[in-house]
Amino acid sequence: NCFVFACDYKPENLPALKKAKEIAESFGAELQLVYINTPGD
C-alpha cells in the first residue's frame, strides 16, 4: 500500500525511480519519495 523510494536525486537514479513508479502503479500503491538530509559533508 505504501512504497518508499530513497535516493540522492542525482540524474543517474532516474531509471530506478521510473521502475519503482511502475511497480507502485501495478500494485495500486502510494509511492512516497524521500530525501534524507544529514549533518556533515
PDB file of all heavy atoms in Angstrom:
ATOM      1  N   ASN A   1       0.823  -1.212   0.000  1.00  0.00           N
ATOM      2  CA  ASN A   1       0.000   0.000   0.000  1.00  0.00           C
ATOM      3  C   ASN A   1       0.854   1.257   0.000  1.00  0.00           C
ATOM      4  O   ASN A   1       0.532   2.239  -0.641  1.00  0.00           O
ATOM      5  CB  ASN A   1      -0.931   0.008   1.209  1.00  0.00           C
ATOM      6  CG  ASN A   1      -1.916  -1.150   1.187  1.00  0.00           C
ATOM      7  OD1 ASN A   1      -2.604  -1.351   0.196  1.00  0.00           O
ATOM      8  ND2 ASN A   1      -1.965  -1.933   2.256  1.00  0.00           N
ATOM      9  N   CYS A   2       1.964   1.210   0.742  1.00  0.00           N
ATOM     10  CA  CYS A   2       2.862   2.362   0.841  1.00  0.00           C
ATOM     11  C   CYS A   2       4.287   1.922   0.499  1.00  0.00           C
ATOM     12  O   CYS A   2       4.877   1.089   1.186  1.00  0.00           O
ATOM     13  CB  CYS A   2       2.814   2.952   2.255  1.00  0.00           C
ATOM     14  SG  CYS A   2       3.922   4.376   2.478  1.00  0.00           S
ATOM     15  N   PHE A   3       4.820   2.484  -0.567  1.00  0.00           N
ATOM     16  CA  PHE A   3       6.138   2.118  -1.093  1.00  0.00           C
ATOM     17  C   PHE A   3       7.038   3.349  -1.005  1.00  0.00           C
ATOM     18  O   PHE A   3       6.793   4.358  -1.654  1.00  0.00           O
ATOM     19  CB  PHE A   3       5.962   1.653  -2.544  1.00  0.00           C
ATOM     20  CG  PHE A   3       7.225   1.279  -3.271  1.00  0.00           C
ATOM     21  CD1 PHE A   3       8.440   1.113  -2.626  1.00  0.00           C
ATOM     22  CD2 PHE A   3       7.183   1.084  -4.649  1.00  0.00           C
ATOM     23  CE1 PHE A   3       9.590   0.764  -3.319  1.00  0.00           C
ATOM     24  CE2 PHE A   3       8.321   0.737  -5.356  1.00  0.00           C
ATOM     25  CZ  PHE A   3       9.526   0.583  -4.685  1.00  0.00           C
ATOM     26  N   VAL A   4       8.078   3.260  -0.185  1.00  0.00           N
ATOM     27  CA  VAL A   4       9.015   4.378  -0.009  1.00  0.00           C
ATOM     28  C   VAL A   4      10.256   4.146  -0.867  1.00  0.00           C
ATOM     29  O   VAL A   4      10.883   3.086  -0.806  1.00  0.00           O
ATOM     30  CB  VAL A   4       9.428   4.528   1.472  1.00  0.00           C
ATOM     31  CG1 VAL A   4      10.589   5.527   1.599  1.00  0.00           C
ATOM     32  CG2 VAL A   4       8.243   5.007   2.312  1.00  0.00           C
ATOM     33  N   PHE A   5      10.583   5.147  -1.675  1.00  0.00           N
ATOM     34  CA  PHE A   5      11.789   5.093  -2.507  1.00  0.00           C
ATOM     35  C   PHE A   5      12.749   6.179  -2.043  1.00  0.00           C
ATOM     36  O   PHE A   5      12.380   7.352  -1.947  1.00  0.00           O
ATOM     37  CB  PHE A   5      11.432   5.312  -3.982  1.00  0.00           C
ATOM     38  CG  PHE A   5      12.614   5.280  -4.912  1.00  0.00           C
ATOM     39  CD1 PHE A   5      13.095   4.077  -5.403  1.00  0.00           C
ATOM     40  CD2 PHE A   5      13.251   6.458  -5.296  1.00  0.00           C
ATOM     41  CE1 PHE A   5      14.190   4.050  -6.257  1.00  0.00           C
ATOM     42  CE2 PHE A   5      14.338   6.439  -6.144  1.00  0.00           C
ATOM     43  CZ  PHE A   5      14.811   5.225  -6.628  1.00  0.00           C
ATOM     44  N   ALA A   6      13.996   5.782  -1.756  1.00  0.00           N
ATOM     45  CA  ALA A   6      15.004   6.728  -1.267  1.00  0.00           C
ATOM     46  C   ALA A   6      16.210   6.743  -2.194  1.00  0.00           C
ATOM     47  O   ALA A   6      16.698   5.689  -2.610  1.00  0.00           O
ATOM     48  CB  ALA A   6      15.441   6.341   0.152  1.00  0.00           C
ATOM     49  N   CYS A   7      16.670   7.949  -2.518  1.00  0.00           N
ATOM     50  CA  CYS A   7      17.922   8.085  -3.260  1.00  0.00           C
ATOM     51  C   CYS A   7      18.451   9.491  -3.045  1.00  0.00           C
ATOM     52  O   CYS A   7      17.880  10.269  -2.268  1.00  0.00           O
ATOM     53  CB  CYS A   7      17.728   7.778  -4.750  1.00  0.00           C
ATOM     54  SG  CYS A   7      16.862   9.061  -5.685  1.00  0.00           S
ATOM     55  N   ASP A   8      19.554   9.844  -3.726  1.00  0.00           N
ATOM     56  CA  ASP A   8      20.139  11.170  -3.542  1.00  0.00           C
ATOM     57  C   ASP A   8      19.699  12.154  -4.633  1.00  0.00           C
ATOM     58  O   ASP A   8      20.185  13.273  -4.705  1.00  0.00           O
ATOM     59  CB  ASP A   8      21.664  11.078  -3.495  1.00  0.00           C
ATOM     60  CG  ASP A   8      22.258  10.408  -4.725  1.00  0.00           C
ATOM     61  OD1 ASP A   8      21.505  10.193  -5.704  1.00  0.00           O
ATOM     62  OD2 ASP A   8      23.462  10.077  -4.694  1.00  0.00           O
ATOM     63  N   TYR A   9      18.807  11.705  -5.524  1.00  0.00           N
ATOM     64  CA  TYR A   9      18.194  12.554  -6.558  1.00  0.00           C
ATOM     65  C   TYR A   9      19.209  13.180  -7.498  1.00  0.00           C
ATOM     66  O   TYR A   9      19.100  14.327  -7.905  1.00  0.00           O
ATOM     67  CB  TYR A   9      17.248  13.589  -5.929  1.00  0.00           C
ATOM     68  CG  TYR A   9      16.125  12.852  -5.238  1.00  0.00           C
ATOM     69  CD1 TYR A   9      16.222  12.517  -3.895  1.00  0.00           C
ATOM     70  CD2 TYR A   9      15.031  12.408  -5.965  1.00  0.00           C
ATOM     71  CE1 TYR A   9      15.238  11.762  -3.284  1.00  0.00           C
ATOM     72  CE2 TYR A   9      14.035  11.664  -5.356  1.00  0.00           C
ATOM     73  CZ  TYR A   9      14.147  11.338  -4.018  1.00  0.00           C
ATOM     74  OH  TYR A   9      13.171  10.581  -3.416  1.00  0.00           O
ATOM     75  N   LYS A  10      20.187  12.361  -7.847  1.00  0.00           N
ATOM     76  CA  LYS A  10      21.100  12.694  -8.929  1.00  0.00           C
ATOM     77  C   LYS A  10      20.591  11.996 -10.187  1.00  0.00           C
ATOM     78  O   LYS A  10      19.917  10.966 -10.099  1.00  0.00           O
ATOM     79  CB  LYS A  10      22.521  12.257  -8.574  1.00  0.00           C
ATOM     80  CG  LYS A  10      23.103  13.037  -7.392  1.00  0.00           C
ATOM     81  CD  LYS A  10      24.512  12.579  -7.060  1.00  0.00           C
ATOM     82  CE  LYS A  10      25.067  13.376  -5.875  1.00  0.00           C
ATOM     83  NZ  LYS A  10      26.437  12.928  -5.486  1.00  0.00           N
ATOM     84  N   PRO A  11      20.878  12.540 -11.382  1.00  0.00           N
ATOM     85  CA  PRO A  11      20.293  12.019 -12.628  1.00  0.00           C
ATOM     86  C   PRO A  11      20.452  10.518 -12.849  1.00  0.00           C
ATOM     87  O   PRO A  11      19.580   9.891 -13.459  1.00  0.00           O
ATOM     88  CB  PRO A  11      21.038  12.820 -13.709  1.00  0.00           C
ATOM     89  CG  PRO A  11      21.378  14.108 -13.032  1.00  0.00           C
ATOM     90  CD  PRO A  11      21.702  13.742 -11.612  1.00  0.00           C
ATOM     91  N   GLU A  12      21.535   9.934 -12.357  1.00  0.00           N
ATOM     92  CA  GLU A  12      21.767   8.505 -12.582  1.00  0.00           C
ATOM     93  C   GLU A  12      20.677   7.629 -11.956  1.00  0.00           C
ATOM     94  O   GLU A  12      20.532   6.458 -12.299  1.00  0.00           O
ATOM     95  CB  GLU A  12      23.128   8.094 -12.025  1.00  0.00           C
ATOM     96  CG  GLU A  12      23.260   8.299 -10.526  1.00  0.00           C
ATOM     97  CD  GLU A  12      24.657   8.003 -10.028  1.00  0.00           C
ATOM     98  OE1 GLU A  12      25.507   7.584 -10.832  1.00  0.00           O
ATOM     99  OE2 GLU A  12      24.906   8.191  -8.834  1.00  0.00           O
ATOM    100  N   ASN A  13      19.901   8.184 -11.028  1.00  0.00           N
ATOM    101  CA  ASN A  13      18.861   7.417 -10.350  1.00  0.00           C
ATOM    102  C   ASN A  13      17.506   7.456 -11.065  1.00  0.00           C
ATOM    103  O   ASN A  13      16.545   6.839 -10.596  1.00  0.00           O
ATOM    104  CB  ASN A  13      18.682   7.928  -8.919  1.00  0.00           C
ATOM    105  CG  ASN A  13      19.887   7.654  -8.057  1.00  0.00           C
ATOM    106  OD1 ASN A  13      20.238   6.509  -7.817  1.00  0.00           O
ATOM    107  ND2 ASN A  13      20.541   8.713  -7.606  1.00  0.00           N
ATOM    108  N   LEU A  14      17.428   8.161 -12.177  1.00  0.00           N
ATOM    109  CA  LEU A  14      16.162   8.277 -12.896  1.00  0.00           C
ATOM    110  C   LEU A  14      15.582   6.927 -13.333  1.00  0.00           C
ATOM    111  O   LEU A  14      14.382   6.679 -13.130  1.00  0.00           O
ATOM    112  CB  LEU A  14      16.331   9.196 -14.112  1.00  0.00           C
ATOM    113  CG  LEU A  14      16.355  10.699 -13.815  1.00  0.00           C
ATOM    114  CD1 LEU A  14      16.823  11.471 -15.042  1.00  0.00           C
ATOM    115  CD2 LEU A  14      14.973  11.182 -13.378  1.00  0.00           C
ATOM    116  N   PRO A  15      16.379   6.030 -13.935  1.00  0.00           N
ATOM    117  CA  PRO A  15      15.803   4.734 -14.341  1.00  0.00           C
ATOM    118  C   PRO A  15      15.231   3.955 -13.167  1.00  0.00           C
ATOM    119  O   PRO A  15      14.190   3.306 -13.297  1.00  0.00           O
ATOM    120  CB  PRO A  15      17.001   4.004 -14.966  1.00  0.00           C
ATOM    121  CG  PRO A  15      17.935   5.090 -15.385  1.00  0.00           C
ATOM    122  CD  PRO A  15      17.800   6.151 -14.345  1.00  0.00           C
ATOM    123  N   ALA A  16      15.914   4.021 -12.027  1.00  0.00           N
ATOM    124  CA  ALA A  16      15.431   3.299 -10.844  1.00  0.00           C
ATOM    125  C   ALA A  16      14.093   3.853 -10.379  1.00  0.00           C
ATOM    126  O   ALA A  16      13.178   3.096 -10.037  1.00  0.00           O
ATOM    127  CB  ALA A  16      16.464   3.382  -9.721  1.00  0.00           C
ATOM    128  N   LEU A  17      13.961   5.175 -10.381  1.00  0.00           N
ATOM    129  CA  LEU A  17      12.706   5.789  -9.952  1.00  0.00           C
ATOM    130  C   LEU A  17      11.568   5.420 -10.892  1.00  0.00           C
ATOM    131  O   LEU A  17      10.447   5.125 -10.449  1.00  0.00           O
ATOM    132  CB  LEU A  17      12.850   7.311  -9.878  1.00  0.00           C
ATOM    133  CG  LEU A  17      11.549   8.075  -9.586  1.00  0.00           C
ATOM    134  CD1 LEU A  17      10.911   7.613  -8.285  1.00  0.00           C
ATOM    135  CD2 LEU A  17      11.811   9.577  -9.541  1.00  0.00           C
ATOM    136  N   LYS A  18      11.833   5.416 -12.182  1.00  0.00           N
ATOM    137  CA  LYS A  18      10.783   5.078 -13.141  1.00  0.00           C
ATOM    138  C   LYS A  18      10.296   3.641 -12.942  1.00  0.00           C
ATOM    139  O   LYS A  18       9.092   3.357 -13.018  1.00  0.00           O
ATOM    140  CB  LYS A  18      11.297   5.296 -14.568  1.00  0.00           C
ATOM    141  CG  LYS A  18      11.452   6.780 -14.914  1.00  0.00           C
ATOM    142  CD  LYS A  18      11.910   6.987 -16.345  1.00  0.00           C
ATOM    143  CE  LYS A  18      12.013   8.479 -16.660  1.00  0.00           C
ATOM    144  NZ  LYS A  18      12.466   8.727 -18.048  1.00  0.00           N
ATOM    145  N   LYS A  19      11.223   2.727 -12.660  1.00  0.00           N
ATOM    146  CA  LYS A  19      10.820   1.347 -12.409  1.00  0.00           C
ATOM    147  C   LYS A  19      10.033   1.240 -11.114  1.00  0.00           C
ATOM    148  O   LYS A  19       9.066   0.482 -11.015  1.00  0.00           O
ATOM    149  CB  LYS A  19      12.059   0.449 -12.354  1.00  0.00           C
ATOM    150  CG  LYS A  19      12.708   0.222 -13.702  1.00  0.00           C
ATOM    151  CD  LYS A  19      13.914  -0.701 -13.595  1.00  0.00           C
ATOM    152  CE  LYS A  19      14.561  -0.911 -14.953  1.00  0.00           C
ATOM    153  NZ  LYS A  19      15.771  -1.784 -14.861  1.00  0.00           N
ATOM    154  N   ALA A  20      10.466   1.994 -10.099  1.00  0.00           N
ATOM    155  CA  ALA A  20       9.746   1.990  -8.829  1.00  0.00           C
ATOM    156  C   ALA A  20       8.317   2.497  -9.027  1.00  0.00           C
ATOM    157  O   ALA A  20       7.360   1.947  -8.456  1.00  0.00           O
ATOM    158  CB  ALA A  20      10.479   2.846  -7.802  1.00  0.00           C
ATOM    159  N   LYS A  21       8.167   3.527  -9.838  1.00  0.00           N
ATOM    160  CA  LYS A  21       6.834   4.083 -10.116  1.00  0.00           C
ATOM    161  C   LYS A  21       5.954   3.061 -10.823  1.00  0.00           C
ATOM    162  O   LYS A  21       4.756   2.921 -10.513  1.00  0.00           O
ATOM    163  CB  LYS A  21       6.964   5.350 -10.962  1.00  0.00           C
ATOM    164  CG  LYS A  21       5.660   6.114 -11.160  1.00  0.00           C
ATOM    165  CD  LYS A  21       5.926   7.437 -11.843  1.00  0.00           C
ATOM    166  CE  LYS A  21       4.641   8.261 -11.985  1.00  0.00           C
ATOM    167  NZ  LYS A  21       3.696   7.648 -12.946  1.00  0.00           N
ATOM    168  N   GLU A  22       6.526   2.323 -11.759  1.00  0.00           N
ATOM    169  CA  GLU A  22       5.775   1.295 -12.474  1.00  0.00           C
ATOM    170  C   GLU A  22       5.289   0.210 -11.518  1.00  0.00           C
ATOM    171  O   GLU A  22       4.143  -0.248 -11.611  1.00  0.00           O
ATOM    172  CB  GLU A  22       6.646   0.669 -13.576  1.00  0.00           C
ATOM    173  CG  GLU A  22       6.926   1.602 -14.749  1.00  0.00           C
ATOM    174  CD  GLU A  22       7.943   1.025 -15.713  1.00  0.00           C
ATOM    175  OE1 GLU A  22       8.381  -0.144 -15.476  1.00  0.00           O
ATOM    176  OE2 GLU A  22       8.305   1.704 -16.686  1.00  0.00           O
ATOM    177  N   ILE A  23       6.155  -0.196 -10.592  1.00  0.00           N
ATOM    178  CA  ILE A  23       5.772  -1.233  -9.631  1.00  0.00           C
ATOM    179  C   ILE A  23       4.674  -0.722  -8.710  1.00  0.00           C
ATOM    180  O   ILE A  23       3.698  -1.428  -8.426  1.00  0.00           O
ATOM    181  CB  ILE A  23       7.007  -1.701  -8.835  1.00  0.00           C
ATOM    182  CG1 ILE A  23       7.910  -2.536  -9.741  1.00  0.00           C
ATOM    183  CG2 ILE A  23       6.591  -2.500  -7.593  1.00  0.00           C
ATOM    184  CD1 ILE A  23       9.195  -2.989  -9.098  1.00  0.00           C
ATOM    185  N   ALA A  24       4.831   0.502  -8.230  1.00  0.00           N
ATOM    186  CA  ALA A  24       3.807   1.072  -7.354  1.00  0.00           C
ATOM    187  C   ALA A  24       2.458   1.114  -8.065  1.00  0.00           C
ATOM    188  O   ALA A  24       1.417   0.752  -7.480  1.00  0.00           O
ATOM    189  CB  ALA A  24       4.223   2.472  -6.919  1.00  0.00           C
ATOM    190  N   GLU A  25       2.462   1.516  -9.319  1.00  0.00           N
ATOM    191  CA  GLU A  25       1.209   1.605 -10.082  1.00  0.00           C
ATOM    192  C   GLU A  25       0.602   0.226 -10.301  1.00  0.00           C
ATOM    193  O   GLU A  25      -0.620   0.054 -10.259  1.00  0.00           O
ATOM    194  CB  GLU A  25       1.463   2.298 -11.424  1.00  0.00           C
ATOM    195  CG  GLU A  25       1.751   3.791 -11.280  1.00  0.00           C
ATOM    196  CD  GLU A  25       2.138   4.438 -12.596  1.00  0.00           C
ATOM    197  OE1 GLU A  25       2.418   3.697 -13.569  1.00  0.00           O
ATOM    198  OE2 GLU A  25       2.171   5.689 -12.662  1.00  0.00           O
ATOM    199  N   SER A  26       1.446  -0.775 -10.533  1.00  0.00           N
ATOM    200  CA  SER A  26       0.931  -2.123 -10.779  1.00  0.00           C
ATOM    201  C   SER A  26       0.255  -2.707  -9.548  1.00  0.00           C
ATOM    202  O   SER A  26      -0.626  -3.554  -9.654  1.00  0.00           O
ATOM    203  CB  SER A  26       2.063  -3.050 -11.248  1.00  0.00           C
ATOM    204  OG  SER A  26       2.954  -3.334 -10.189  1.00  0.00           O
ATOM    205  N   PHE A  27       0.661  -2.245  -8.370  1.00  0.00           N
ATOM    206  CA  PHE A  27       0.054  -2.704  -7.122  1.00  0.00           C
ATOM    207  C   PHE A  27      -1.037  -1.758  -6.623  1.00  0.00           C
ATOM    208  O   PHE A  27      -1.704  -2.042  -5.634  1.00  0.00           O
ATOM    209  CB  PHE A  27       1.121  -2.833  -6.028  1.00  0.00           C
ATOM    210  CG  PHE A  27       1.913  -4.102  -6.089  1.00  0.00           C
ATOM    211  CD1 PHE A  27       3.078  -4.183  -6.840  1.00  0.00           C
ATOM    212  CD2 PHE A  27       1.507  -5.242  -5.391  1.00  0.00           C
ATOM    213  CE1 PHE A  27       3.817  -5.351  -6.899  1.00  0.00           C
ATOM    214  CE2 PHE A  27       2.238  -6.404  -5.449  1.00  0.00           C
ATOM    215  CZ  PHE A  27       3.400  -6.476  -6.204  1.00  0.00           C
ATOM    216  N   GLY A  28      -1.185  -0.633  -7.292  1.00  0.00           N
ATOM    217  CA  GLY A  28      -2.115   0.371  -6.811  1.00  0.00           C
ATOM    218  C   GLY A  28      -1.656   0.981  -5.503  1.00  0.00           C
ATOM    219  O   GLY A  28      -2.469   1.378  -4.659  1.00  0.00           O
ATOM    220  N   ALA A  29      -0.331   1.052  -5.326  1.00  0.00           N
ATOM    221  CA  ALA A  29       0.252   1.543  -4.074  1.00  0.00           C
ATOM    222  C   ALA A  29       0.623   3.013  -4.184  1.00  0.00           C
ATOM    223  O   ALA A  29       0.854   3.542  -5.278  1.00  0.00           O
ATOM    224  CB  ALA A  29       1.491   0.729  -3.710  1.00  0.00           C
ATOM    225  N   GLU A  30       0.713   3.650  -3.037  1.00  0.00           N
ATOM    226  CA  GLU A  30       1.183   5.036  -2.978  1.00  0.00           C
ATOM    227  C   GLU A  30       2.706   5.031  -2.962  1.00  0.00           C
ATOM    228  O   GLU A  30       3.323   4.354  -2.135  1.00  0.00           O
ATOM    229  CB  GLU A  30       0.658   5.720  -1.714  1.00  0.00           C
ATOM    230  CG  GLU A  30       1.137   7.161  -1.559  1.00  0.00           C
ATOM    231  CD  GLU A  30       0.728   7.791  -0.236  1.00  0.00           C
ATOM    232  OE1 GLU A  30       0.102   7.070   0.585  1.00  0.00           O
ATOM    233  OE2 GLU A  30       1.031   8.969  -0.021  1.00  0.00           O
ATOM    234  N   LEU A  31       3.321   5.766  -3.878  1.00  0.00           N
ATOM    235  CA  LEU A  31       4.768   5.874  -3.921  1.00  0.00           C
ATOM    236  C   LEU A  31       5.190   7.142  -3.196  1.00  0.00           C
ATOM    237  O   LEU A  31       4.824   8.246  -3.603  1.00  0.00           O
ATOM    238  CB  LEU A  31       5.267   5.909  -5.368  1.00  0.00           C
ATOM    239  CG  LEU A  31       6.784   6.023  -5.552  1.00  0.00           C
ATOM    240  CD1 LEU A  31       7.498   4.801  -4.969  1.00  0.00           C
ATOM    241  CD2 LEU A  31       7.152   6.186  -7.030  1.00  0.00           C
ATOM    242  N   GLN A  32       5.946   6.981  -2.130  1.00  0.00           N
ATOM    243  CA  GLN A  32       6.423   8.126  -1.367  1.00  0.00           C
ATOM    244  C   GLN A  32       7.930   8.250  -1.557  1.00  0.00           C
ATOM    245  O   GLN A  32       8.679   7.317  -1.256  1.00  0.00           O
ATOM    246  CB  GLN A  32       6.091   7.959   0.119  1.00  0.00           C
ATOM    247  CG  GLN A  32       4.600   7.995   0.400  1.00  0.00           C
ATOM    248  CD  GLN A  32       4.276   8.479   1.795  1.00  0.00           C
ATOM    249  OE1 GLN A  32       5.113   9.012   2.507  1.00  0.00           O
ATOM    250  NE2 GLN A  32       3.039   8.302   2.198  1.00  0.00           N
ATOM    251  N   LEU A  33       8.356   9.397  -2.070  1.00  0.00           N
ATOM    252  CA  LEU A  33       9.768   9.656  -2.302  1.00  0.00           C
ATOM    253  C   LEU A  33      10.341  10.441  -1.131  1.00  0.00           C
ATOM    254  O   LEU A  33       9.701  11.357  -0.616  1.00  0.00           O
ATOM    255  CB  LEU A  33       9.951  10.448  -3.594  1.00  0.00           C
ATOM    256  CG  LEU A  33       9.269   9.894  -4.851  1.00  0.00           C
ATOM    257  CD1 LEU A  33       9.610  10.749  -6.063  1.00  0.00           C
ATOM    258  CD2 LEU A  33       9.664   8.454  -5.086  1.00  0.00           C
ATOM    259  N   VAL A  34      11.560  10.080  -0.751  1.00  0.00           N
ATOM    260  CA  VAL A  34      12.164  10.769   0.385  1.00  0.00           C
ATOM    261  C   VAL A  34      13.637  11.039   0.101  1.00  0.00           C
ATOM    262  O   VAL A  34      14.338  10.233  -0.514  1.00  0.00           O
ATOM    263  CB  VAL A  34      12.009   9.945   1.693  1.00  0.00           C
ATOM    264  CG1 VAL A  34      12.742   8.609   1.600  1.00  0.00           C
ATOM    265  CG2 VAL A  34      12.484  10.745   2.902  1.00  0.00           C
ATOM    266  N   TYR A  35      14.072  12.204   0.532  1.00  0.00           N
ATOM    267  CA  TYR A  35      15.494  12.561   0.528  1.00  0.00           C
ATOM    268  C   TYR A  35      15.906  12.729   1.988  1.00  0.00           C
ATOM    269  O   TYR A  35      15.296  13.514   2.731  1.00  0.00           O
ATOM    270  CB  TYR A  35      15.746  13.862  -0.236  1.00  0.00           C
ATOM    271  CG  TYR A  35      17.172  14.345  -0.120  1.00  0.00           C
ATOM    272  CD1 TYR A  35      18.178  13.784  -0.906  1.00  0.00           C
ATOM    273  CD2 TYR A  35      17.527  15.343   0.786  1.00  0.00           C
ATOM    274  CE1 TYR A  35      19.493  14.201  -0.786  1.00  0.00           C
ATOM    275  CE2 TYR A  35      18.838  15.774   0.903  1.00  0.00           C
ATOM    276  CZ  TYR A  35      19.815  15.197   0.120  1.00  0.00           C
ATOM    277  OH  TYR A  35      21.115  15.607   0.244  1.00  0.00           O
ATOM    278  N   ILE A  36      16.927  11.987   2.392  1.00  0.00           N
ATOM    279  CA  ILE A  36      17.389  12.058   3.776  1.00  0.00           C
ATOM    280  C   ILE A  36      18.522  13.072   3.868  1.00  0.00           C
ATOM    281  O   ILE A  36      19.577  12.906   3.256  1.00  0.00           O
ATOM    282  CB  ILE A  36      17.867  10.683   4.285  1.00  0.00           C
ATOM    283  CG1 ILE A  36      16.778   9.617   4.056  1.00  0.00           C
ATOM    284  CG2 ILE A  36      18.240  10.768   5.760  1.00  0.00           C
ATOM    285  CD1 ILE A  36      15.459   9.911   4.745  1.00  0.00           C
ATOM    286  N   ASN A  37      18.286  14.126   4.615  1.00  0.00           N
ATOM    287  CA  ASN A  37      19.283  15.181   4.798  1.00  0.00           C
ATOM    288  C   ASN A  37      19.981  14.968   6.131  1.00  0.00           C
ATOM    289  O   ASN A  37      19.334  14.838   7.177  1.00  0.00           O
ATOM    290  CB  ASN A  37      18.596  16.550   4.772  1.00  0.00           C
ATOM    291  CG  ASN A  37      19.553  17.662   4.392  1.00  0.00           C
ATOM    292  OD1 ASN A  37      20.610  17.417   3.812  1.00  0.00           O
ATOM    293  ND2 ASN A  37      19.191  18.892   4.715  1.00  0.00           N
ATOM    294  N   THR A  38      21.303  14.923   6.098  1.00  0.00           N
ATOM    295  CA  THR A  38      22.075  14.620   7.309  1.00  0.00           C
ATOM    296  C   THR A  38      23.130  15.686   7.565  1.00  0.00           C
ATOM    297  O   THR A  38      23.538  16.404   6.649  1.00  0.00           O
ATOM    298  CB  THR A  38      22.778  13.261   7.167  1.00  0.00           C
ATOM    299  OG1 THR A  38      23.675  13.307   6.042  1.00  0.00           O
ATOM    300  CG2 THR A  38      21.777  12.139   6.962  1.00  0.00           C
ATOM    301  N   PRO A  39      23.613  15.788   8.801  1.00  0.00           N
ATOM    302  CA  PRO A  39      24.702  16.727   9.106  1.00  0.00           C
ATOM    303  C   PRO A  39      25.993  16.283   8.417  1.00  0.00           C
ATOM    304  O   PRO A  39      26.111  15.147   7.970  1.00  0.00           O
ATOM    305  CB  PRO A  39      24.841  16.632  10.635  1.00  0.00           C
ATOM    306  CG  PRO A  39      23.616  15.931  11.115  1.00  0.00           C
ATOM    307  CD  PRO A  39      23.162  15.063   9.995  1.00  0.00           C
ATOM    308  N   GLY A  40      26.949  17.158   8.336  1.00  0.00           N
ATOM    309  CA  GLY A  40      28.252  16.806   7.777  1.00  0.00           C
ATOM    310  C   GLY A  40      28.400  17.217   6.331  1.00  0.00           C
ATOM    311  O   GLY A  40      27.708  18.106   5.829  1.00  0.00           O
ATOM    312  N   ASP A  41      29.303  16.527   5.633  1.00  0.00           N
ATOM    313  CA  ASP A  41      29.661  16.903   4.263  1.00  0.00           C
ATOM    314  C   ASP A  41      28.489  16.802   3.297  1.00  0.00           C
ATOM    315  O   ASP A  41      28.444  17.497   2.289  1.00  0.00           O
ATOM    316  CB  ASP A  41      30.814  16.029   3.767  1.00  0.00           C
ATOM    317  CG  ASP A  41      32.095  16.279   4.547  1.00  0.00           C
ATOM    318  OD1 ASP A  41      32.200  17.368   5.147  1.00  0.00           O
ATOM    319  OD2 ASP A  41      32.968  15.397   4.558  1.00  0.00           O
TER     320      ASP A  41
END
